């Protein structure tokens, strides 16, 4: 995430429900994001024009597969 997006900070959240599983959010944060510096689930206080860099989904899938195996993506 740091290499791909160069965020100001990264939020980590682990959540659970009644179903036994691990549910993790890894959220790169930027000073111009809609809720920065507050939690991402707060009401937006600004709009942003930030978009994902070209090819980011494929690069992240490859990195996850290289790190954790093909089933990781």
N, C-alpha and C. Protein backbone atom coordinates (compact mmCIF):
# COMPACT_ATOMS: atom_id res chain seq x y z
N UNK A 1 0.82 -1.19 0.00
CA UNK A 1 0.00 0.00 0.00
C UNK A 1 0.87 1.25 0.00
N UNK A 2 1.88 1.25 0.85
CA UNK A 2 2.75 2.44 0.89
C UNK A 2 3.45 2.65 -0.45
N UNK A 3 3.98 1.57 -1.04
CA UNK A 3 4.69 1.70 -2.31
C UNK A 3 3.75 2.14 -3.44
N UNK A 4 2.55 1.60 -3.45
CA UNK A 4 1.63 1.84 -4.56
C UNK A 4 0.94 3.20 -4.47
N UNK A 5 0.55 3.63 -3.26
CA UNK A 5 -0.28 4.82 -3.11
C UNK A 5 0.40 6.00 -2.43
N UNK A 6 1.48 5.77 -1.67
CA UNK A 6 2.14 6.82 -0.89
C UNK A 6 1.14 7.60 -0.04
N UNK A 7 0.36 6.90 0.80
CA UNK A 7 -0.64 7.59 1.62
C UNK A 7 -0.01 8.37 2.77
N UNK A 8 -0.77 9.31 3.31
CA UNK A 8 -0.33 10.06 4.51
C UNK A 8 -0.23 9.11 5.70
N UNK A 9 -1.19 8.19 5.82
CA UNK A 9 -1.18 7.16 6.85
C UNK A 9 -2.03 5.99 6.37
N UNK A 10 -2.01 4.90 7.11
CA UNK A 10 -2.82 3.72 6.79
C UNK A 10 -3.60 3.32 8.03
N UNK A 11 -4.91 3.16 7.86
CA UNK A 11 -5.76 2.66 8.95
C UNK A 11 -5.94 1.16 8.79
N UNK A 12 -5.86 0.45 9.90
CA UNK A 12 -6.14 -0.99 9.94
C UNK A 12 -7.32 -1.21 10.85
N UNK A 13 -8.24 -2.04 10.42
CA UNK A 13 -9.41 -2.36 11.25
C UNK A 13 -9.72 -3.83 11.08
N UNK A 14 -9.89 -4.52 12.19
CA UNK A 14 -10.34 -5.91 12.12
C UNK A 14 -11.73 -5.97 12.73
N UNK A 15 -12.63 -6.55 11.98
CA UNK A 15 -14.02 -6.58 12.38
C UNK A 15 -14.52 -8.01 12.37
N UNK A 16 -15.56 -8.29 13.10
CA UNK A 16 -16.14 -9.61 13.10
C UNK A 16 -17.65 -9.53 13.12
N UNK A 17 -18.26 -10.62 12.72
CA UNK A 17 -19.71 -10.74 12.78
C UNK A 17 -20.01 -12.08 13.42
N UNK A 18 -21.23 -12.52 13.34
CA UNK A 18 -21.61 -13.80 13.92
C UNK A 18 -20.93 -14.97 13.22
N UNK A 19 -20.57 -14.81 11.95
CA UNK A 19 -19.90 -15.88 11.21
C UNK A 19 -18.42 -15.90 11.59
N UNK A 20 -17.87 -17.07 11.89
CA UNK A 20 -16.46 -17.14 12.29
C UNK A 20 -15.53 -16.90 11.09
N UNK A 21 -14.92 -15.73 11.04
CA UNK A 21 -13.98 -15.39 9.99
C UNK A 21 -13.20 -14.16 10.41
N UNK A 22 -12.13 -13.90 9.72
CA UNK A 22 -11.35 -12.69 9.94
C UNK A 22 -11.68 -11.72 8.82
N UNK A 23 -12.05 -10.53 9.17
CA UNK A 23 -12.45 -9.50 8.22
C UNK A 23 -11.57 -8.30 8.51
N UNK A 24 -10.70 -7.95 7.58
CA UNK A 24 -9.73 -6.88 7.80
C UNK A 24 -9.86 -5.81 6.73
N UNK A 25 -9.81 -4.58 7.15
CA UNK A 25 -9.77 -3.44 6.23
C UNK A 25 -8.39 -2.81 6.34
N UNK A 26 -7.74 -2.57 5.22
CA UNK A 26 -6.48 -1.84 5.15
C UNK A 26 -6.77 -0.63 4.28
N UNK A 27 -6.79 0.54 4.89
CA UNK A 27 -7.29 1.74 4.21
C UNK A 27 -6.20 2.80 4.11
N UNK A 28 -5.67 3.02 2.90
CA UNK A 28 -4.73 4.13 2.75
C UNK A 28 -5.49 5.45 2.90
N UNK A 29 -4.90 6.37 3.65
CA UNK A 29 -5.57 7.65 3.90
C UNK A 29 -4.77 8.80 3.33
N UNK A 30 -5.49 9.79 2.83
CA UNK A 30 -4.88 10.96 2.21
C UNK A 30 -5.53 12.21 2.79
N UNK A 31 -4.77 13.28 2.86
CA UNK A 31 -5.32 14.52 3.44
C UNK A 31 -6.52 15.05 2.68
N UNK A 32 -6.67 14.68 1.41
CA UNK A 32 -7.82 15.16 0.64
C UNK A 32 -8.95 14.14 0.57
N UNK A 33 -8.85 13.03 1.35
CA UNK A 33 -9.97 12.08 1.28
C UNK A 33 -11.19 12.63 2.01
N UNK A 34 -12.37 12.13 1.71
CA UNK A 34 -13.62 12.75 2.17
C UNK A 34 -13.79 12.88 3.68
N UNK A 35 -13.10 12.06 4.48
CA UNK A 35 -13.29 12.11 5.93
C UNK A 35 -12.00 12.33 6.71
N UNK A 36 -10.87 12.51 6.04
CA UNK A 36 -9.58 12.65 6.73
C UNK A 36 -9.60 13.82 7.70
N UNK A 37 -9.09 13.68 8.89
CA UNK A 37 -8.41 12.54 9.48
C UNK A 37 -9.34 11.62 10.28
N UNK A 38 -10.62 11.84 10.18
CA UNK A 38 -11.59 11.03 10.93
C UNK A 38 -11.77 9.66 10.26
N UNK A 39 -12.47 8.73 10.93
CA UNK A 39 -12.68 7.40 10.36
C UNK A 39 -13.39 7.45 9.00
N UNK A 40 -13.08 6.48 8.15
CA UNK A 40 -13.64 6.46 6.80
C UNK A 40 -15.14 6.26 6.79
N UNK A 41 -15.72 5.73 7.86
CA UNK A 41 -17.17 5.49 7.89
C UNK A 41 -17.93 6.71 8.41
N UNK A 42 -17.24 7.79 8.75
CA UNK A 42 -17.93 9.04 9.12
C UNK A 42 -18.54 9.68 7.87
N UNK A 43 -19.43 10.62 8.10
CA UNK A 43 -20.01 11.38 6.98
C UNK A 43 -18.91 12.21 6.31
N UNK A 44 -18.90 12.25 4.99
CA UNK A 44 -17.87 13.04 4.29
C UNK A 44 -17.96 14.52 4.63
N UNK A 45 -16.82 15.16 4.71
CA UNK A 45 -16.77 16.60 4.96
C UNK A 45 -16.23 17.35 3.74
N UNK A 46 -15.80 16.62 2.72
CA UNK A 46 -15.31 17.22 1.48
C UNK A 46 -15.43 16.21 0.36
N UNK A 47 -15.34 16.67 -0.85
CA UNK A 47 -15.30 15.76 -1.99
C UNK A 47 -13.85 15.62 -2.42
N UNK A 48 -13.57 14.59 -3.18
CA UNK A 48 -12.22 14.39 -3.69
C UNK A 48 -12.29 13.99 -5.15
N UNK A 49 -11.24 14.29 -5.87
CA UNK A 49 -11.15 13.88 -7.26
C UNK A 49 -10.13 12.77 -7.42
N UNK A 50 -9.63 12.25 -6.31
CA UNK A 50 -8.61 11.19 -6.35
C UNK A 50 -9.16 9.96 -7.05
N UNK A 51 -8.37 9.39 -7.93
CA UNK A 51 -8.74 8.15 -8.62
C UNK A 51 -7.61 7.15 -8.43
N UNK A 52 -7.92 5.89 -8.69
CA UNK A 52 -6.89 4.86 -8.60
C UNK A 52 -5.91 5.02 -9.76
N UNK A 53 -4.63 4.79 -9.49
CA UNK A 53 -3.65 4.84 -10.59
C UNK A 53 -3.95 3.75 -11.62
N UNK A 54 -3.62 4.00 -12.87
CA UNK A 54 -3.82 3.01 -13.92
C UNK A 54 -3.09 1.72 -13.57
N UNK A 55 -3.77 0.58 -13.73
CA UNK A 55 -3.17 -0.73 -13.52
C UNK A 55 -3.00 -1.15 -12.09
N UNK A 56 -3.49 -0.36 -11.13
CA UNK A 56 -3.24 -0.67 -9.72
C UNK A 56 -3.87 -2.00 -9.29
N UNK A 57 -5.05 -2.30 -9.77
CA UNK A 57 -5.69 -3.56 -9.36
C UNK A 57 -4.86 -4.77 -9.76
N UNK A 58 -4.37 -4.77 -10.99
CA UNK A 58 -3.54 -5.89 -11.46
C UNK A 58 -2.23 -5.97 -10.69
N UNK A 59 -1.60 -4.83 -10.44
CA UNK A 59 -0.34 -4.84 -9.69
C UNK A 59 -0.54 -5.37 -8.28
N UNK A 60 -1.62 -4.92 -7.61
CA UNK A 60 -1.87 -5.40 -6.25
C UNK A 60 -2.21 -6.89 -6.24
N UNK A 61 -2.98 -7.35 -7.21
CA UNK A 61 -3.27 -8.79 -7.30
C UNK A 61 -1.99 -9.60 -7.46
N UNK A 62 -1.10 -9.14 -8.33
CA UNK A 62 0.17 -9.85 -8.54
C UNK A 62 1.01 -9.85 -7.26
N UNK A 63 1.07 -8.72 -6.59
CA UNK A 63 1.86 -8.65 -5.35
C UNK A 63 1.29 -9.57 -4.27
N UNK A 64 -0.03 -9.59 -4.14
CA UNK A 64 -0.64 -10.48 -3.15
C UNK A 64 -0.40 -11.94 -3.51
N UNK A 65 -0.53 -12.28 -4.77
CA UNK A 65 -0.29 -13.66 -5.21
C UNK A 65 1.16 -14.04 -4.98
N UNK A 66 2.10 -13.14 -5.26
CA UNK A 66 3.52 -13.42 -5.03
C UNK A 66 3.80 -13.64 -3.55
N UNK A 67 3.15 -12.84 -2.71
CA UNK A 67 3.39 -12.91 -1.27
C UNK A 67 2.67 -14.07 -0.59
N UNK A 68 1.42 -14.30 -0.98
CA UNK A 68 0.59 -15.25 -0.24
C UNK A 68 0.08 -16.42 -1.05
N UNK A 69 0.35 -16.47 -2.33
CA UNK A 69 -0.15 -17.56 -3.18
C UNK A 69 -1.30 -17.09 -4.03
N UNK A 70 -1.62 -17.86 -5.04
CA UNK A 70 -2.65 -17.50 -6.01
C UNK A 70 -4.02 -17.25 -5.40
N UNK A 71 -4.39 -17.95 -4.34
CA UNK A 71 -5.71 -17.77 -3.74
C UNK A 71 -5.89 -16.47 -3.01
N UNK A 72 -4.82 -15.69 -2.85
CA UNK A 72 -4.89 -14.45 -2.07
C UNK A 72 -5.63 -13.34 -2.78
N UNK A 73 -5.71 -13.39 -4.09
CA UNK A 73 -6.36 -12.29 -4.80
C UNK A 73 -7.83 -12.60 -4.94
